[in-house]
Amino acid sequence: MDDAKGDHTFKIHQAYHRCPDCGWVNESRKGFKEIWGKLEKEEVCQKCKHEFIIYKEKSKALGPLMPGS
């Protein structure tokens, strides 16, 4: 039998976001896009059709682990 989770060749993004207008919880499979150094994605509520933007902090680069001598 096949694995129930599936065999995907790419990472599936799945998140849930609450609409700020009506409170409906929307499922999203879109990834974040980097715009002007910030991560954001545009969402549309499936119930009331309100458009809103989700922002996410960009992770800081760790930098070189072993500095040159």
PDB file of N, CA and C in Angstrom:
ATOM      1  N   MET A   1       0.838  -1.193   0.000  1.00  0.00           N
ATOM      2  CA  MET A   1       0.000   0.000   0.000  1.00  0.00           C
ATOM      3  C   MET A   1       0.874   1.245   0.000  1.00  0.00           C
ATOM      4  N   ASP A   2       0.344   2.290  -0.555  1.00  0.00           N
ATOM      5  CA  ASP A   2       1.065   3.559  -0.582  1.00  0.00           C
ATOM      6  C   ASP A   2       0.979   4.246   0.773  1.00  0.00           C
ATOM      7  N   ASP A   3       1.949   5.089   1.019  1.00  0.00           N
ATOM      8  CA  ASP A   3       1.949   5.870   2.246  1.00  0.00           C
ATOM      9  C   ASP A   3       0.792   6.865   2.211  1.00  0.00           C
ATOM     10  N   ALA A   4       0.080   7.010   3.308  1.00  0.00           N
ATOM     11  CA  ALA A   4      -1.090   7.887   3.350  1.00  0.00           C
ATOM     12  C   ALA A   4      -0.727   9.360   3.174  1.00  0.00           C
ATOM     13  N   LYS A   5       0.493   9.741   3.562  1.00  0.00           N
ATOM     14  CA  LYS A   5       0.906  11.138   3.464  1.00  0.00           C
ATOM     15  C   LYS A   5       1.247  11.532   2.039  1.00  0.00           C
ATOM     16  N   GLY A   6       1.575  10.595   1.195  1.00  0.00           N
ATOM     17  CA  GLY A   6       1.934  10.918  -0.183  1.00  0.00           C
ATOM     18  C   GLY A   6       3.433  11.087  -0.343  1.00  0.00           C
ATOM     19  N   ASP A   7       3.860  11.081  -1.562  1.00  0.00           N
ATOM     20  CA  ASP A   7       5.270  11.221  -1.884  1.00  0.00           C
ATOM     21  C   ASP A   7       5.418  12.483  -2.733  1.00  0.00           C
ATOM     22  N   HIS A   8       5.797  13.579  -2.100  1.00  0.00           N
ATOM     23  CA  HIS A   8       5.878  14.862  -2.785  1.00  0.00           C
ATOM     24  C   HIS A   8       7.330  15.190  -3.107  1.00  0.00           C
ATOM     25  N   THR A   9       7.546  15.781  -4.263  1.00  0.00           N
ATOM     26  CA  THR A   9       8.899  16.173  -4.651  1.00  0.00           C
ATOM     27  C   THR A   9       9.234  17.573  -4.165  1.00  0.00           C
ATOM     28  N   PHE A  10       8.280  18.276  -3.586  1.00  0.00           N
ATOM     29  CA  PHE A  10       8.522  19.617  -3.065  1.00  0.00           C
ATOM     30  C   PHE A  10       7.787  19.762  -1.739  1.00  0.00           C
ATOM     31  N   LYS A  11       8.253  20.681  -0.920  1.00  0.00           N
ATOM     32  CA  LYS A  11       7.646  20.901   0.385  1.00  0.00           C
ATOM     33  C   LYS A  11       6.278  21.563   0.226  1.00  0.00           C
ATOM     34  N   ILE A  12       5.283  21.022   0.897  1.00  0.00           N
ATOM     35  CA  ILE A  12       3.940  21.595   0.854  1.00  0.00           C
ATOM     36  C   ILE A  12       3.802  22.577   2.014  1.00  0.00           C
ATOM     37  N   HIS A  13       3.436  23.816   1.702  1.00  0.00           N
ATOM     38  CA  HIS A  13       3.192  24.836   2.714  1.00  0.00           C
ATOM     39  C   HIS A  13       1.708  24.786   3.059  1.00  0.00           C
ATOM     40  N   GLN A  14       1.420  24.579   4.334  1.00  0.00           N
ATOM     41  CA  GLN A  14       0.026  24.569   4.758  1.00  0.00           C
ATOM     42  C   GLN A  14      -0.067  25.361   6.054  1.00  0.00           C
ATOM     43  N   ALA A  15      -0.885  26.379   6.051  1.00  0.00           N
ATOM     44  CA  ALA A  15      -1.042  27.228   7.227  1.00  0.00           C
ATOM     45  C   ALA A  15      -2.502  27.644   7.343  1.00  0.00           C
ATOM     46  N   TYR A  16      -2.856  28.106   8.530  1.00  0.00           N
ATOM     47  CA  TYR A  16      -4.216  28.561   8.787  1.00  0.00           C
ATOM     48  C   TYR A  16      -4.154  30.002   9.287  1.00  0.00           C
ATOM     49  N   HIS A  17      -4.950  30.877   8.684  1.00  0.00           N
ATOM     50  CA  HIS A  17      -4.957  32.286   9.045  1.00  0.00           C
ATOM     51  C   HIS A  17      -6.394  32.734   9.293  1.00  0.00           C
ATOM     52  N   ARG A  18      -6.577  33.460  10.397  1.00  0.00           N
ATOM     53  CA  ARG A  18      -7.905  33.974  10.747  1.00  0.00           C
ATOM     54  C   ARG A  18      -8.151  35.301  10.036  1.00  0.00           C
ATOM     55  N   CYS A  19      -9.316  35.426   9.444  1.00  0.00           N
ATOM     56  CA  CYS A  19      -9.698  36.665   8.765  1.00  0.00           C
ATOM     57  C   CYS A  19      -9.883  37.760   9.823  1.00  0.00           C
ATOM     58  N   PRO A  20      -9.234  38.919   9.643  1.00  0.00           N
ATOM     59  CA  PRO A  20      -9.398  39.994  10.626  1.00  0.00           C
ATOM     60  C   PRO A  20     -10.789  40.633  10.584  1.00  0.00           C
ATOM     61  N   ASP A  21     -11.538  40.392   9.531  1.00  0.00           N
ATOM     62  CA  ASP A  21     -12.868  40.992   9.378  1.00  0.00           C
ATOM     63  C   ASP A  21     -13.964  40.143  10.032  1.00  0.00           C
ATOM     64  N   CYS A  22     -14.074  38.876   9.616  1.00  0.00           N
ATOM     65  CA  CYS A  22     -15.182  38.038  10.090  1.00  0.00           C
ATOM     66  C   CYS A  22     -14.746  36.935  11.060  1.00  0.00           C
ATOM     67  N   GLY A  23     -13.437  36.666  11.172  1.00  0.00           N
ATOM     68  CA  GLY A  23     -12.953  35.656  12.102  1.00  0.00           C
ATOM     69  C   GLY A  23     -12.900  34.247  11.535  1.00  0.00           C
ATOM     70  N   TRP A  24     -13.270  34.064  10.285  1.00  0.00           N
ATOM     71  CA  TRP A  24     -13.239  32.754   9.645  1.00  0.00           C
ATOM     72  C   TRP A  24     -11.789  32.287   9.506  1.00  0.00           C
ATOM     73  N   VAL A  25     -11.525  31.007   9.778  1.00  0.00           N
ATOM     74  CA  VAL A  25     -10.175  30.462   9.657  1.00  0.00           C
ATOM     75  C   VAL A  25     -10.011  29.892   8.253  1.00  0.00           C
ATOM     76  N   ASN A  26      -9.057  30.442   7.520  1.00  0.00           N
ATOM     77  CA  ASN A  26      -8.806  30.055   6.135  1.00  0.00           C
ATOM     78  C   ASN A  26      -7.569  29.179   6.045  1.00  0.00           C
ATOM     79  N   GLU A  27      -7.631  28.166   5.201  1.00  0.00           N
ATOM     80  CA  GLU A  27      -6.475  27.315   4.936  1.00  0.00           C
ATOM     81  C   GLU A  27      -5.706  27.902   3.760  1.00  0.00           C
ATOM     82  N   SER A  28      -4.393  27.954   3.897  1.00  0.00           N
ATOM     83  CA  SER A  28      -3.558  28.523   2.847  1.00  0.00           C
ATOM     84  C   SER A  28      -2.419  27.567   2.531  1.00  0.00           C
ATOM     85  N   ARG A  29      -2.164  27.362   1.251  1.00  0.00           N
ATOM     86  CA  ARG A  29      -1.036  26.545   0.806  1.00  0.00           C
ATOM     87  C   ARG A  29      -0.009  27.369   0.049  1.00  0.00           C
ATOM     88  N   LYS A  30      -0.190  28.683   0.062  1.00  0.00           N
ATOM     89  CA  LYS A  30       0.760  29.565  -0.607  1.00  0.00           C
ATOM     90  C   LYS A  30       1.930  29.850   0.323  1.00  0.00           C
ATOM     91  N   GLY A  31       3.094  30.016  -0.264  1.00  0.00           N
ATOM     92  CA  GLY A  31       4.268  30.384   0.505  1.00  0.00           C
ATOM     93  C   GLY A  31       4.419  31.893   0.591  1.00  0.00           C
ATOM     94  N   PHE A  32       5.295  32.338   1.475  1.00  0.00           N
ATOM     95  CA  PHE A  32       5.558  33.762   1.621  1.00  0.00           C
ATOM     96  C   PHE A  32       6.470  34.238   0.504  1.00  0.00           C
ATOM     97  N   LYS A  33       6.319  35.504   0.125  1.00  0.00           N
ATOM     98  CA  LYS A  33       7.177  36.140  -0.872  1.00  0.00           C
ATOM     99  C   LYS A  33       7.956  37.251  -0.183  1.00  0.00           C
ATOM    100  N   GLU A  34       9.202  37.424  -0.605  1.00  0.00           N
ATOM    101  CA  GLU A  34      10.012  38.499  -0.039  1.00  0.00           C
ATOM    102  C   GLU A  34       9.770  39.773  -0.840  1.00  0.00           C
ATOM    103  N   ILE A  35       9.276  40.789  -0.149  1.00  0.00           N
ATOM    104  CA  ILE A  35       9.002  42.079  -0.773  1.00  0.00           C
ATOM    105  C   ILE A  35       9.618  43.160   0.112  1.00  0.00           C
ATOM    106  N   TRP A  36      10.549  43.911  -0.442  1.00  0.00           N
ATOM    107  CA  TRP A  36      11.256  44.982   0.261  1.00  0.00           C
ATOM    108  C   TRP A  36      11.890  44.488   1.560  1.00  0.00           C
ATOM    109  N   GLY A  37      12.466  43.292   1.529  1.00  0.00           N
ATOM    110  CA  GLY A  37      13.162  42.751   2.694  1.00  0.00           C
ATOM    111  C   GLY A  37      12.265  42.154   3.759  1.00  0.00           C
ATOM    112  N   LYS A  38      10.963  42.059   3.506  1.00  0.00           N
ATOM    113  CA  LYS A  38      10.025  41.461   4.461  1.00  0.00           C
ATOM    114  C   LYS A  38       9.301  40.309   3.790  1.00  0.00           C
ATOM    115  N   LEU A  39       8.862  39.348   4.590  1.00  0.00           N
ATOM    116  CA  LEU A  39       8.102  38.221   4.062  1.00  0.00           C
ATOM    117  C   LEU A  39       6.614  38.510   4.230  1.00  0.00           C
ATOM    118  N   GLU A  40       5.869  38.372   3.143  1.00  0.00           N
ATOM    119  CA  GLU A  40       4.429  38.608   3.213  1.00  0.00           C
ATOM    120  C   GLU A  40       3.703  37.764   2.172  1.00  0.00           C
ATOM    121  N   LYS A  41       2.419  37.559   2.417  1.00  0.00           N
ATOM    122  CA  LYS A  41       1.564  36.895   1.427  1.00  0.00           C
ATOM    123  C   LYS A  41       0.165  37.473   1.519  1.00  0.00           C
ATOM    124  N   GLU A  42      -0.440  37.576   0.363  1.00  0.00           N
ATOM    125  CA  GLU A  42      -1.790  38.126   0.272  1.00  0.00           C
ATOM    126  C   GLU A  42      -2.794  36.986   0.369  1.00  0.00           C
ATOM    127  N   GLU A  43      -3.824  37.186   1.169  1.00  0.00           N
ATOM    128  CA  GLU A  43      -4.869  36.186   1.346  1.00  0.00           C
ATOM    129  C   GLU A  43      -6.231  36.813   1.086  1.00  0.00           C
ATOM    130  N   VAL A  44      -7.184  35.982   0.700  1.00  0.00           N
ATOM    131  CA  VAL A  44      -8.576  36.389   0.517  1.00  0.00           C
ATOM    132  C   VAL A  44      -9.429  35.434   1.346  1.00  0.00           C
ATOM    133  N   CYS A  45     -10.274  35.987   2.197  1.00  0.00           N
ATOM    134  CA  CYS A  45     -11.147  35.167   3.035  1.00  0.00           C
ATOM    135  C   CYS A  45     -12.121  34.399   2.146  1.00  0.00           C
ATOM    136  N   GLN A  46     -12.250  33.109   2.401  1.00  0.00           N
ATOM    137  CA  GLN A  46     -13.131  32.270   1.599  1.00  0.00           C
ATOM    138  C   GLN A  46     -14.602  32.527   1.914  1.00  0.00           C
ATOM    139  N   LYS A  47     -14.863  33.125   3.069  1.00  0.00           N
ATOM    140  CA  LYS A  47     -16.254  33.351   3.466  1.00  0.00           C
ATOM    141  C   LYS A  47     -16.750  34.746   3.079  1.00  0.00           C
ATOM    142  N   CYS A  48     -16.015  35.799   3.487  1.00  0.00           N
ATOM    143  CA  CYS A  48     -16.499  37.167   3.247  1.00  0.00           C
ATOM    144  C   CYS A  48     -15.759  37.881   2.114  1.00  0.00           C
ATOM    145  N   LYS A  49     -14.764  37.218   1.514  1.00  0.00           N
ATOM    146  CA  LYS A  49     -13.994  37.759   0.378  1.00  0.00           C
ATOM    147  C   LYS A  49     -13.150  38.987   0.735  1.00  0.00           C
ATOM    148  N   HIS A  50     -12.876  39.197   2.030  1.00  0.00           N
ATOM    149  CA  HIS A  50     -12.025  40.304   2.478  1.00  0.00           C
ATOM    150  C   HIS A  50     -10.569  39.974   2.146  1.00  0.00           C
ATOM    151  N   GLU A  51      -9.858  40.932   1.561  1.00  0.00           N
ATOM    152  CA  GLU A  51      -8.449  40.741   1.219  1.00  0.00           C
ATOM    153  C   GLU A  51      -7.583  41.285   2.350  1.00  0.00           C
ATOM    154  N   PHE A  52      -6.589  40.489   2.781  1.00  0.00           N
ATOM    155  CA  PHE A  52      -5.685  40.931   3.835  1.00  0.00           C
ATOM    156  C   PHE A  52      -4.295  40.366   3.578  1.00  0.00           C
ATOM    157  N   ILE A  53      -3.296  40.954   4.237  1.00  0.00           N
ATOM    158  CA  ILE A  53      -1.900  40.566   4.036  1.00  0.00           C
ATOM    159  C   ILE A  53      -1.349  40.011   5.340  1.00  0.00           C
ATOM    160  N   ILE A  54      -0.658  38.875   5.244  1.00  0.00           N
ATOM    161  CA  ILE A  54      -0.006  38.249   6.385  1.00  0.00           C
ATOM    162  C   ILE A  54       1.478  38.598   6.312  1.00  0.00           C
ATOM    163  N   TYR A  55       2.035  39.110   7.420  1.00  0.00           N
ATOM    164  CA  TYR A  55       3.455  39.444   7.482  1.00  0.00           C
ATOM    165  C   TYR A  55       4.174  38.446   8.373  1.00  0.00           C
ATOM    166  N   LYS A  56       5.431  38.190   8.057  1.00  0.00           N
ATOM    167  CA  LYS A  56       6.238  37.260   8.834  1.00  0.00           C
ATOM    168  C   LYS A  56       7.649  37.824   8.921  1.00  0.00           C
ATOM    169  N   GLU A  57       8.270  37.675  10.087  1.00  0.00           N
ATOM    170  CA  GLU A  57       9.639  38.143  10.256  1.00  0.00           C
ATOM    171  C   GLU A  57      10.588  37.270   9.454  1.00  0.00           C
ATOM    172  N   LYS A  58      11.519  37.906   8.791  1.00  0.00           N
ATOM    173  CA  LYS A  58      12.528  37.180   8.033  1.00  0.00           C
ATOM    174  C   LYS A  58      13.593  36.702   9.008  1.00  0.00           C
ATOM    175  N   SER A  59      13.980  35.432   8.902  1.00  0.00           N
ATOM    176  CA  SER A  59      14.988  34.902   9.812  1.00  0.00           C
ATOM    177  C   SER A  59      16.336  35.539   9.509  1.00  0.00           C
ATOM    178  N   LYS A  60      17.058  35.843  10.560  1.00  0.00           N
ATOM    179  CA  LYS A  60      18.365  36.473  10.414  1.00  0.00           C
ATOM    180  C   LYS A  60      19.384  35.437   9.958  1.00  0.00           C
ATOM    181  N   ALA A  61      20.314  35.852   9.129  1.00  0.00           N
ATOM    182  CA  ALA A  61      21.371  34.952   8.663  1.00  0.00           C
ATOM    183  C   ALA A  61      22.314  34.654   9.823  1.00  0.00           C
ATOM    184  N   LEU A  62      22.740  33.422   9.919  1.00  0.00           N
ATOM    185  CA  LEU A  62      23.622  33.007  11.001  1.00  0.00           C
ATOM    186  C   LEU A  62      25.047  33.484  10.761  1.00  0.00           C
ATOM    187  N   GLY A  63      25.434  33.578   9.518  1.00  0.00           N
ATOM    188  CA  GLY A  63      26.789  34.025   9.201  1.00  0.00           C
ATOM    189  C   GLY A  63      27.772  32.872   9.244  1.00  0.00           C
ATOM    190  N   PRO A  64      29.047  33.161   9.079  1.00  0.00           N
ATOM    191  CA  PRO A  64      30.043  32.087   9.081  1.00  0.00           C
ATOM    192  C   PRO A  64      30.179  31.467  10.470  1.00  0.00           C
ATOM    193  N   LEU A  65      30.162  30.152  10.506  1.00  0.00           N
ATOM    194  CA  LEU A  65      30.308  29.456  11.783  1.00  0.00           C
ATOM    195  C   LEU A  65      31.767  29.378  12.217  1.00  0.00           C
ATOM    196  N   MET A  66      32.656  29.267  11.251  1.00  0.00           N
ATOM    197  CA  MET A  66      34.085  29.159  11.554  1.00  0.00           C
ATOM    198  C   MET A  66      34.807  30.344  10.913  1.00  0.00           C
ATOM    199  N   PRO A  67      35.061  31.406  11.666  1.00  0.00           N
ATOM    200  CA  PRO A  67      35.751  32.547  11.072  1.00  0.00           C
ATOM    201  C   PRO A  67      37.164  32.168  10.639  1.00  0.00           C
ATOM    202  N   GLY A  68      37.625  32.796   9.572  1.00  0.00           N
ATOM    203  CA  GLY A  68      38.971  32.518   9.056  1.00  0.00           C
ATOM    204  C   GLY A  68      40.039  32.936  10.050  1.00  0.00           C
ATOM    205  N   SER A  69      41.171  32.237  10.027  1.00  0.00           N
ATOM    206  CA  SER A  69      42.237  32.560  10.985  1.00  0.00           C
ATOM    207  C   SER A  69      43.331  33.377  10.357  1.00  0.00           C
TER     208      SER A  69
END
